[in-house]
Amino acid sequence: MGAEWEREQTGVKTFGLFGSGSQDNLTMYMDLVDGIFLNQIMLQIDPRPTNQRINKHVNNDVNLRIQNLTILVRNIKTYYQDRPFSR
């Protein structure tokens, strides 16, 4: 993983949830790809409770990964649809 990954990792670490130092790069990358970390960020942006549970132990299961990312997209849509339109 090159300089681009390092820049992305640094930007994502600013949220304080990613890369505490005890995780290796592969684990951090998989948390990002599996939708776990992105859902945690979305929860910080919009903390309203949701009845959908994120699968925190995806273990390379494509179906669980898709489910996590589907929940993320749904939460993003809800967040923007509930906000008043402003210009």
PDB file of N, CA and C in Angstrom:
ATOM      1  N   MET A   1       0.855  -1.170   0.000  1.00  0.00           N
ATOM      2  CA  MET A   1       0.000   0.000   0.000  1.00  0.00           C
ATOM      3  C   MET A   1       0.898   1.228   0.000  1.00  0.00           C
ATOM      4  N   GLY A   2       0.578   2.138  -0.895  1.00  0.00           N
ATOM      5  CA  GLY A   2       1.466   3.250  -1.110  1.00  0.00           C
ATOM      6  C   GLY A   2       1.058   4.525  -0.410  1.00  0.00           C
ATOM      7  N   ALA A   3       1.569   5.625  -0.968  1.00  0.00           N
ATOM      8  CA  ALA A   3       1.347   6.939  -0.376  1.00  0.00           C
ATOM      9  C   ALA A   3      -0.126   7.331  -0.374  1.00  0.00           C
ATOM     10  N   GLU A   4      -0.845   6.927  -1.408  1.00  0.00           N
ATOM     11  CA  GLU A   4      -2.274   7.261  -1.468  1.00  0.00           C
ATOM     12  C   GLU A   4      -3.022   6.625  -0.300  1.00  0.00           C
ATOM     13  N   TRP A   5      -2.728   5.354  -0.011  1.00  0.00           N
ATOM     14  CA  TRP A   5      -3.357   4.669   1.127  1.00  0.00           C
ATOM     15  C   TRP A   5      -3.013   5.394   2.422  1.00  0.00           C
ATOM     16  N   GLU A   6      -1.753   5.819   2.566  1.00  0.00           N
ATOM     17  CA  GLU A   6      -1.335   6.521   3.781  1.00  0.00           C
ATOM     18  C   GLU A   6      -2.111   7.825   3.951  1.00  0.00           C
ATOM     19  N   ARG A   7      -2.334   8.561   2.862  1.00  0.00           N
ATOM     20  CA  ARG A   7      -3.107   9.812   2.935  1.00  0.00           C
ATOM     21  C   ARG A   7      -4.542   9.531   3.343  1.00  0.00           C
ATOM     22  N   GLU A   8      -5.135   8.512   2.729  1.00  0.00           N
ATOM     23  CA  GLU A   8      -6.518   8.162   3.070  1.00  0.00           C
ATOM     24  C   GLU A   8      -6.614   7.719   4.516  1.00  0.00           C
ATOM     25  N   GLN A   9      -5.657   6.936   4.949  1.00  0.00           N
ATOM     26  CA  GLN A   9      -5.654   6.435   6.319  1.00  0.00           C
ATOM     27  C   GLN A   9      -5.528   7.594   7.298  1.00  0.00           C
ATOM     28  N   THR A  10      -4.678   8.563   6.994  1.00  0.00           N
ATOM     29  CA  THR A  10      -4.516   9.721   7.854  1.00  0.00           C
ATOM     30  C   THR A  10      -5.804  10.523   7.917  1.00  0.00           C
ATOM     31  N   GLY A  11      -6.460  10.721   6.775  1.00  0.00           N
ATOM     32  CA  GLY A  11      -7.721  11.456   6.759  1.00  0.00           C
ATOM     33  C   GLY A  11      -8.799  10.752   7.548  1.00  0.00           C
ATOM     34  N   VAL A  12      -8.867   9.455   7.433  1.00  0.00           N
ATOM     35  CA  VAL A  12      -9.887   8.687   8.137  1.00  0.00           C
ATOM     36  C   VAL A  12      -9.589   8.637   9.625  1.00  0.00           C
ATOM     37  N   LYS A  13      -8.326   8.626  10.014  1.00  0.00           N
ATOM     38  CA  LYS A  13      -7.970   8.587  11.432  1.00  0.00           C
ATOM     39  C   LYS A  13      -8.451   9.825  12.171  1.00  0.00           C
ATOM     40  N   THR A  14      -8.705  10.910  11.448  1.00  0.00           N
ATOM     41  CA  THR A  14      -9.155  12.124  12.118  1.00  0.00           C
ATOM     42  C   THR A  14     -10.484  11.927  12.821  1.00  0.00           C
ATOM     43  N   PHE A  15     -11.241  10.914  12.449  1.00  0.00           N
ATOM     44  CA  PHE A  15     -12.507  10.642  13.121  1.00  0.00           C
ATOM     45  C   PHE A  15     -12.304   9.943  14.455  1.00  0.00           C
ATOM     46  N   GLY A  16     -11.096   9.486  14.742  1.00  0.00           N
ATOM     47  CA  GLY A  16     -10.783   8.916  16.034  1.00  0.00           C
ATOM     48  C   GLY A  16     -11.237   7.484  16.246  1.00  0.00           C
ATOM     49  N   LEU A  17     -11.856   6.879  15.264  1.00  0.00           N
ATOM     50  CA  LEU A  17     -12.341   5.513  15.413  1.00  0.00           C
ATOM     51  C   LEU A  17     -11.488   4.517  14.659  1.00  0.00           C
ATOM     52  N   PHE A  18     -10.679   5.004  13.779  1.00  0.00           N
ATOM     53  CA  PHE A  18      -9.992   4.152  12.813  1.00  0.00           C
ATOM     54  C   PHE A  18      -8.505   4.168  13.087  1.00  0.00           C
ATOM     55  N   GLY A  19      -7.909   3.012  13.184  1.00  0.00           N
ATOM     56  CA  GLY A  19      -6.463   2.933  13.299  1.00  0.00           C
ATOM     57  C   GLY A  19      -5.935   3.407  14.625  1.00  0.00           C
ATOM     58  N   SER A  20      -6.354   2.784  15.689  1.00  0.00           N
ATOM     59  CA  SER A  20      -5.919   3.188  17.015  1.00  0.00           C
ATOM     60  C   SER A  20      -4.453   2.869  17.259  1.00  0.00           C
ATOM     61  N   GLY A  21      -3.825   2.203  16.316  1.00  0.00           N
ATOM     62  CA  GLY A  21      -2.424   1.851  16.470  1.00  0.00           C
ATOM     63  C   GLY A  21      -2.243   0.378  16.789  1.00  0.00           C
ATOM     64  N   SER A  22      -3.267  -0.255  17.322  1.00  0.00           N
ATOM     65  CA  SER A  22      -3.163  -1.666  17.663  1.00  0.00           C
ATOM     66  C   SER A  22      -3.583  -2.561  16.497  1.00  0.00           C
ATOM     67  N   GLN A  23      -4.129  -1.977  15.437  1.00  0.00           N
ATOM     68  CA  GLN A  23      -4.573  -2.758  14.285  1.00  0.00           C
ATOM     69  C   GLN A  23      -3.548  -2.667  13.165  1.00  0.00           C
ATOM     70  N   ASP A  24      -3.421  -3.749  12.400  1.00  0.00           N
ATOM     71  CA  ASP A  24      -2.554  -3.691  11.235  1.00  0.00           C
ATOM     72  C   ASP A  24      -3.324  -3.083  10.059  1.00  0.00           C
ATOM     73  N   ASN A  25      -2.614  -2.757   8.994  1.00  0.00           N
ATOM     74  CA  ASN A  25      -3.239  -2.097   7.843  1.00  0.00           C
ATOM     75  C   ASN A  25      -4.348  -2.933   7.219  1.00  0.00           C
ATOM     76  N   LEU A  26      -4.159  -4.241   7.135  1.00  0.00           N
ATOM     77  CA  LEU A  26      -5.172  -5.096   6.533  1.00  0.00           C
ATOM     78  C   LEU A  26      -6.465  -5.071   7.346  1.00  0.00           C
ATOM     79  N   THR A  27      -6.358  -5.130   8.663  1.00  0.00           N
ATOM     80  CA  THR A  27      -7.546  -5.086   9.520  1.00  0.00           C
ATOM     81  C   THR A  27      -8.269  -3.760   9.362  1.00  0.00           C
ATOM     82  N   MET A  28      -7.516  -2.655   9.331  1.00  0.00           N
ATOM     83  CA  MET A  28      -8.136  -1.340   9.158  1.00  0.00           C
ATOM     84  C   MET A  28      -8.813  -1.246   7.795  1.00  0.00           C
ATOM     85  N   TYR A  29      -8.159  -1.758   6.762  1.00  0.00           N
ATOM     86  CA  TYR A  29      -8.726  -1.732   5.416  1.00  0.00           C
ATOM     87  C   TYR A  29     -10.011  -2.552   5.358  1.00  0.00           C
ATOM     88  N   MET A  30     -10.008  -3.724   5.960  1.00  0.00           N
ATOM     89  CA  MET A  30     -11.192  -4.586   5.934  1.00  0.00           C
ATOM     90  C   MET A  30     -12.351  -3.951   6.704  1.00  0.00           C
ATOM     91  N   ASP A  31     -12.072  -3.270   7.820  1.00  0.00           N
ATOM     92  CA  ASP A  31     -13.126  -2.554   8.545  1.00  0.00           C
ATOM     93  C   ASP A  31     -13.746  -1.480   7.659  1.00  0.00           C
ATOM     94  N   LEU A  32     -12.926  -0.847   6.841  1.00  0.00           N
ATOM     95  CA  LEU A  32     -13.414   0.182   5.930  1.00  0.00           C
ATOM     96  C   LEU A  32     -14.247  -0.445   4.811  1.00  0.00           C
ATOM     97  N   VAL A  33     -13.720  -1.474   4.181  1.00  0.00           N
ATOM     98  CA  VAL A  33     -14.399  -2.133   3.063  1.00  0.00           C
ATOM     99  C   VAL A  33     -15.678  -2.837   3.515  1.00  0.00           C
ATOM    100  N   ASP A  34     -15.666  -3.391   4.712  1.00  0.00           N
ATOM    101  CA  ASP A  34     -16.826  -4.127   5.218  1.00  0.00           C
ATOM    102  C   ASP A  34     -17.967  -3.211   5.642  1.00  0.00           C
ATOM    103  N   GLY A  35     -17.740  -1.907   5.636  1.00  0.00           N
ATOM    104  CA  GLY A  35     -18.793  -0.965   5.982  1.00  0.00           C
ATOM    105  C   GLY A  35     -18.903  -0.685   7.470  1.00  0.00           C
ATOM    106  N   ILE A  36     -18.078  -1.329   8.270  1.00  0.00           N
ATOM    107  CA  ILE A  36     -18.139  -1.144   9.722  1.00  0.00           C
ATOM    108  C   ILE A  36     -17.755   0.284  10.083  1.00  0.00           C
ATOM    109  N   PHE A  37     -16.596   0.707   9.620  1.00  0.00           N
ATOM    110  CA  PHE A  37     -16.105   2.040   9.964  1.00  0.00           C
ATOM    111  C   PHE A  37     -16.985   3.141   9.374  1.00  0.00           C
ATOM    112  N   LEU A  38     -17.404   2.978   8.125  1.00  0.00           N
ATOM    113  CA  LEU A  38     -18.233   4.006   7.490  1.00  0.00           C
ATOM    114  C   LEU A  38     -19.574   4.153   8.203  1.00  0.00           C
ATOM    115  N   ASN A  39     -20.121   3.056   8.693  1.00  0.00           N
ATOM    116  CA  ASN A  39     -21.357   3.138   9.464  1.00  0.00           C
ATOM    117  C   ASN A  39     -21.120   3.837  10.800  1.00  0.00           C
ATOM    118  N   GLN A  40     -19.943   3.660  11.400  1.00  0.00           N
ATOM    119  CA  GLN A  40     -19.619   4.363  12.639  1.00  0.00           C
ATOM    120  C   GLN A  40     -19.531   5.871  12.392  1.00  0.00           C
ATOM    121  N   ILE A  41     -18.949   6.259  11.263  1.00  0.00           N
ATOM    122  CA  ILE A  41     -18.887   7.682  10.917  1.00  0.00           C
ATOM    123  C   ILE A  41     -20.291   8.230  10.712  1.00  0.00           C
ATOM    124  N   MET A  42     -21.127   7.491   9.999  1.00  0.00           N
ATOM    125  CA  MET A  42     -22.501   7.938   9.753  1.00  0.00           C
ATOM    126  C   MET A  42     -23.257   8.089  11.060  1.00  0.00           C
ATOM    127  N   LEU A  43     -22.994   7.229  12.023  1.00  0.00           N
ATOM    128  CA  LEU A  43     -23.644   7.331  13.326  1.00  0.00           C
ATOM    129  C   LEU A  43     -23.208   8.594  14.059  1.00  0.00           C
ATOM    130  N   GLN A  44     -21.972   9.038  13.851  1.00  0.00           N
ATOM    131  CA  GLN A  44     -21.521  10.303  14.439  1.00  0.00           C
ATOM    132  C   GLN A  44     -22.203  11.480  13.756  1.00  0.00           C
ATOM    133  N   ILE A  45     -22.402  11.392  12.461  1.00  0.00           N
ATOM    134  CA  ILE A  45     -23.055  12.469  11.713  1.00  0.00           C
ATOM    135  C   ILE A  45     -24.529  12.546  12.069  1.00  0.00           C
ATOM    136  N   ASP A  46     -25.177  11.401  12.136  1.00  0.00           N
ATOM    137  CA  ASP A  46     -26.613  11.341  12.437  1.00  0.00           C
ATOM    138  C   ASP A  46     -26.837  10.282  13.516  1.00  0.00           C
ATOM    139  N   PRO A  47     -26.835  10.694  14.783  1.00  0.00           N
ATOM    140  CA  PRO A  47     -26.920   9.724  15.879  1.00  0.00           C
ATOM    141  C   PRO A  47     -28.321   9.192  16.168  1.00  0.00           C
ATOM    142  N   ARG A  48     -29.299   9.574  15.352  1.00  0.00           N
ATOM    143  CA  ARG A  48     -30.648   9.051  15.590  1.00  0.00           C
ATOM    144  C   ARG A  48     -30.625   7.533  15.572  1.00  0.00           C
ATOM    145  N   PRO A  49     -31.356   6.943  16.487  1.00  0.00           N
ATOM    146  CA  PRO A  49     -31.343   5.473  16.541  1.00  0.00           C
ATOM    147  C   PRO A  49     -31.948   4.855  15.285  1.00  0.00           C
ATOM    148  N   THR A  50     -31.409   3.737  14.923  1.00  0.00           N
ATOM    149  CA  THR A  50     -31.913   2.980  13.789  1.00  0.00           C
ATOM    150  C   THR A  50     -32.146   1.545  14.242  1.00  0.00           C
ATOM    151  N   ASN A  51     -33.086   0.898  13.649  1.00  0.00           N
ATOM    152  CA  ASN A  51     -33.389  -0.471  14.060  1.00  0.00           C
ATOM    153  C   ASN A  51     -32.564  -1.501  13.290  1.00  0.00           C
ATOM    154  N   GLN A  52     -31.552  -1.039  12.579  1.00  0.00           N
ATOM    155  CA  GLN A  52     -30.718  -1.933  11.784  1.00  0.00           C
ATOM    156  C   GLN A  52     -29.378  -2.137  12.481  1.00  0.00           C
ATOM    157  N   ARG A  53     -28.984  -3.362  12.622  1.00  0.00           N
ATOM    158  CA  ARG A  53     -27.715  -3.686  13.266  1.00  0.00           C
ATOM    159  C   ARG A  53     -26.635  -3.937  12.221  1.00  0.00           C
ATOM    160  N   ILE A  54     -25.479  -3.357  12.481  1.00  0.00           N
ATOM    161  CA  ILE A  54     -24.322  -3.560  11.620  1.00  0.00           C
ATOM    162  C   ILE A  54     -23.667  -4.886  12.007  1.00  0.00           C
ATOM    163  N   ASN A  55     -23.273  -5.646  11.024  1.00  0.00           N
ATOM    164  CA  ASN A  55     -22.543  -6.895  11.270  1.00  0.00           C
ATOM    165  C   ASN A  55     -21.081  -6.553  11.506  1.00  0.00           C
ATOM    166  N   LYS A  56     -20.617  -6.679  12.729  1.00  0.00           N
ATOM    167  CA  LYS A  56     -19.247  -6.294  13.066  1.00  0.00           C
ATOM    168  C   LYS A  56     -18.240  -7.405  12.799  1.00  0.00           C
ATOM    169  N   HIS A  57     -18.718  -8.601  12.556  1.00  0.00           N
ATOM    170  CA  HIS A  57     -17.827  -9.729  12.278  1.00  0.00           C
ATOM    171  C   HIS A  57     -18.179 -10.299  10.905  1.00  0.00           C
ATOM    172  N   VAL A  58     -17.740  -9.594   9.875  1.00  0.00           N
ATOM    173  CA  VAL A  58     -18.073  -9.965   8.503  1.00  0.00           C
ATOM    174  C   VAL A  58     -17.269 -11.182   8.045  1.00  0.00           C
ATOM    175  N   ASN A  59     -16.010 -11.245   8.418  1.00  0.00           N
ATOM    176  CA  ASN A  59     -15.147 -12.390   8.082  1.00  0.00           C
ATOM    177  C   ASN A  59     -15.204 -12.769   6.601  1.00  0.00           C
ATOM    178  N   ASN A  60     -15.072 -11.780   5.747  1.00  0.00           N
ATOM    179  CA  ASN A  60     -15.056 -11.974   4.291  1.00  0.00           C
ATOM    180  C   ASN A  60     -16.345 -12.557   3.726  1.00  0.00           C
ATOM    181  N   ASP A  61     -17.427 -12.451   4.447  1.00  0.00           N
ATOM    182  CA  ASP A  61     -18.729 -12.904   3.948  1.00  0.00           C
ATOM    183  C   ASP A  61     -19.320 -11.778   3.098  1.00  0.00           C
ATOM    184  N   VAL A  62     -19.405 -12.023   1.806  1.00  0.00           N
ATOM    185  CA  VAL A  62     -19.874 -11.000   0.870  1.00  0.00           C
ATOM    186  C   VAL A  62     -21.289 -10.544   1.209  1.00  0.00           C
ATOM    187  N   ASN A  63     -22.144 -11.458   1.617  1.00  0.00           N
ATOM    188  CA  ASN A  63     -23.528 -11.095   1.936  1.00  0.00           C
ATOM    189  C   ASN A  63     -23.611 -10.149   3.129  1.00  0.00           C
ATOM    190  N   LEU A  64     -22.788 -10.381   4.156  1.00  0.00           N
ATOM    191  CA  LEU A  64     -22.777  -9.489   5.316  1.00  0.00           C
ATOM    192  C   LEU A  64     -22.205  -8.128   4.946  1.00  0.00           C
ATOM    193  N   ARG A  65     -21.182  -8.135   4.089  1.00  0.00           N
ATOM    194  CA  ARG A  65     -20.594  -6.876   3.623  1.00  0.00           C
ATOM    195  C   ARG A  65     -21.635  -6.063   2.855  1.00  0.00           C
ATOM    196  N   ILE A  66     -22.364  -6.718   1.966  1.00  0.00           N
ATOM    197  CA  ILE A  66     -23.412  -6.037   1.195  1.00  0.00           C
ATOM    198  C   ILE A  66     -24.492  -5.508   2.123  1.00  0.00           C
ATOM    199  N   GLN A  67     -24.859  -6.292   3.123  1.00  0.00           N
ATOM    200  CA  GLN A  67     -25.876  -5.848   4.081  1.00  0.00           C
ATOM    201  C   GLN A  67     -25.409  -4.593   4.820  1.00  0.00           C
ATOM    202  N   ASN A  68     -24.151  -4.563   5.272  1.00  0.00           N
ATOM    203  CA  ASN A  68     -23.619  -3.383   5.954  1.00  0.00           C
ATOM    204  C   ASN A  68     -23.630  -2.161   5.043  1.00  0.00           C
ATOM    205  N   LEU A  69     -23.208  -2.335   3.809  1.00  0.00           N
ATOM    206  CA  LEU A  69     -23.155  -1.206   2.883  1.00  0.00           C
ATOM    207  C   LEU A  69     -24.555  -0.760   2.474  1.00  0.00           C
ATOM    208  N   THR A  70     -25.499  -1.678   2.405  1.00  0.00           N
ATOM    209  CA  THR A  70     -26.894  -1.323   2.122  1.00  0.00           C
ATOM    210  C   THR A  70     -27.469  -0.486   3.259  1.00  0.00           C
ATOM    211  N   ILE A  71     -27.165  -0.874   4.488  1.00  0.00           N
ATOM    212  CA  ILE A  71     -27.607  -0.097   5.653  1.00  0.00           C
ATOM    213  C   ILE A  71     -26.999   1.298   5.599  1.00  0.00           C
ATOM    214  N   LEU A  72     -25.726   1.384   5.238  1.00  0.00           N
ATOM    215  CA  LEU A  72     -25.054   2.677   5.136  1.00  0.00           C
ATOM    216  C   LEU A  72     -25.736   3.572   4.110  1.00  0.00           C
ATOM    217  N   VAL A  73     -25.988   3.047   2.929  1.00  0.00           N
ATOM    218  CA  VAL A  73     -26.639   3.833   1.871  1.00  0.00           C
ATOM    219  C   VAL A  73     -28.027   4.274   2.322  1.00  0.00           C
ATOM    220  N   ARG A  74     -28.765   3.391   2.955  1.00  0.00           N
ATOM    221  CA  ARG A  74     -30.108   3.720   3.446  1.00  0.00           C
ATOM    222  C   ARG A  74     -30.039   4.846   4.488  1.00  0.00           C
ATOM    223  N   ASN A  75     -29.063   4.775   5.390  1.00  0.00           N
ATOM    224  CA  ASN A  75     -28.924   5.817   6.409  1.00  0.00           C
ATOM    225  C   ASN A  75     -28.510   7.155   5.805  1.00  0.00           C
ATOM    226  N   ILE A  76     -27.663   7.120   4.792  1.00  0.00           N
ATOM    227  CA  ILE A  76     -27.270   8.359   4.112  1.00  0.00           C
ATOM    228  C   ILE A  76     -28.476   8.971   3.412  1.00  0.00           C
ATOM    229  N   LYS A  77     -29.259   8.152   2.719  1.00  0.00           N
ATOM    230  CA  LYS A  77     -30.471   8.653   2.049  1.00  0.00           C
ATOM    231  C   LYS A  77     -31.432   9.268   3.053  1.00  0.00           C
ATOM    232  N   THR A  78     -31.662   8.575   4.161  1.00  0.00           N
ATOM    233  CA  THR A  78     -32.569   9.079   5.194  1.00  0.00           C
ATOM    234  C   THR A  78     -32.074  10.408   5.740  1.00  0.00           C
ATOM    235  N   TYR A  79     -30.785  10.499   5.976  1.00  0.00           N
ATOM    236  CA  TYR A  79     -30.203  11.727   6.517  1.00  0.00           C
ATOM    237  C   TYR A  79     -30.466  12.904   5.582  1.00  0.00           C
ATOM    238  N   TYR A  80     -30.214  12.732   4.304  1.00  0.00           N
ATOM    239  CA  TYR A  80     -30.396  13.833   3.359  1.00  0.00           C
ATOM    240  C   TYR A  80     -31.857  14.097   3.031  1.00  0.00           C
ATOM    241  N   GLN A  81     -32.686  13.092   3.037  1.00  0.00           N
ATOM    242  CA  GLN A  81     -34.104  13.301   2.743  1.00  0.00           C
ATOM    243  C   GLN A  81     -34.821  13.980   3.902  1.00  0.00           C
ATOM    244  N   ASP A  82     -34.347  13.787   5.118  1.00  0.00           N
ATOM    245  CA  ASP A  82     -34.972  14.405   6.289  1.00  0.00           C
ATOM    246  C   ASP A  82     -34.526  15.843   6.509  1.00  0.00           C
ATOM    247  N   ARG A  83     -33.479  16.258   5.838  1.00  0.00           N
ATOM    248  CA  ARG A  83     -32.969  17.626   6.009  1.00  0.00           C
ATOM    249  C   ARG A  83     -33.711  18.568   5.072  1.00  0.00           C
ATOM    250  N   PRO A  84     -34.000  19.784   5.552  1.00  0.00           N
ATOM    251  CA  PRO A  84     -34.628  20.755   4.648  1.00  0.00           C
ATOM    252  C   PRO A  84     -33.643  21.153   3.548  1.00  0.00           C
ATOM    253  N   PHE A  85     -34.171  21.325   2.377  1.00  0.00           N
ATOM    254  CA  PHE A  85     -33.347  21.702   1.232  1.00  0.00           C
ATOM    255  C   PHE A  85     -32.873  23.136   1.407  1.00  0.00           C
ATOM    256  N   SER A  86     -31.590  23.359   1.251  1.00  0.00           N
ATOM    257  CA  SER A  86     -31.056  24.723   1.371  1.00  0.00           C
ATOM    258  C   SER A  86     -30.113  24.994   0.217  1.00  0.00           C
ATOM    259  N   ARG A  87     -30.076  26.228  -0.185  1.00  0.00           N
ATOM    260  CA  ARG A  87     -29.183  26.645  -1.271  1.00  0.00           C
ATOM    261  C   ARG A  87     -28.215  27.652  -0.763  1.00  0.00           C
TER     262      ARG A  87
END
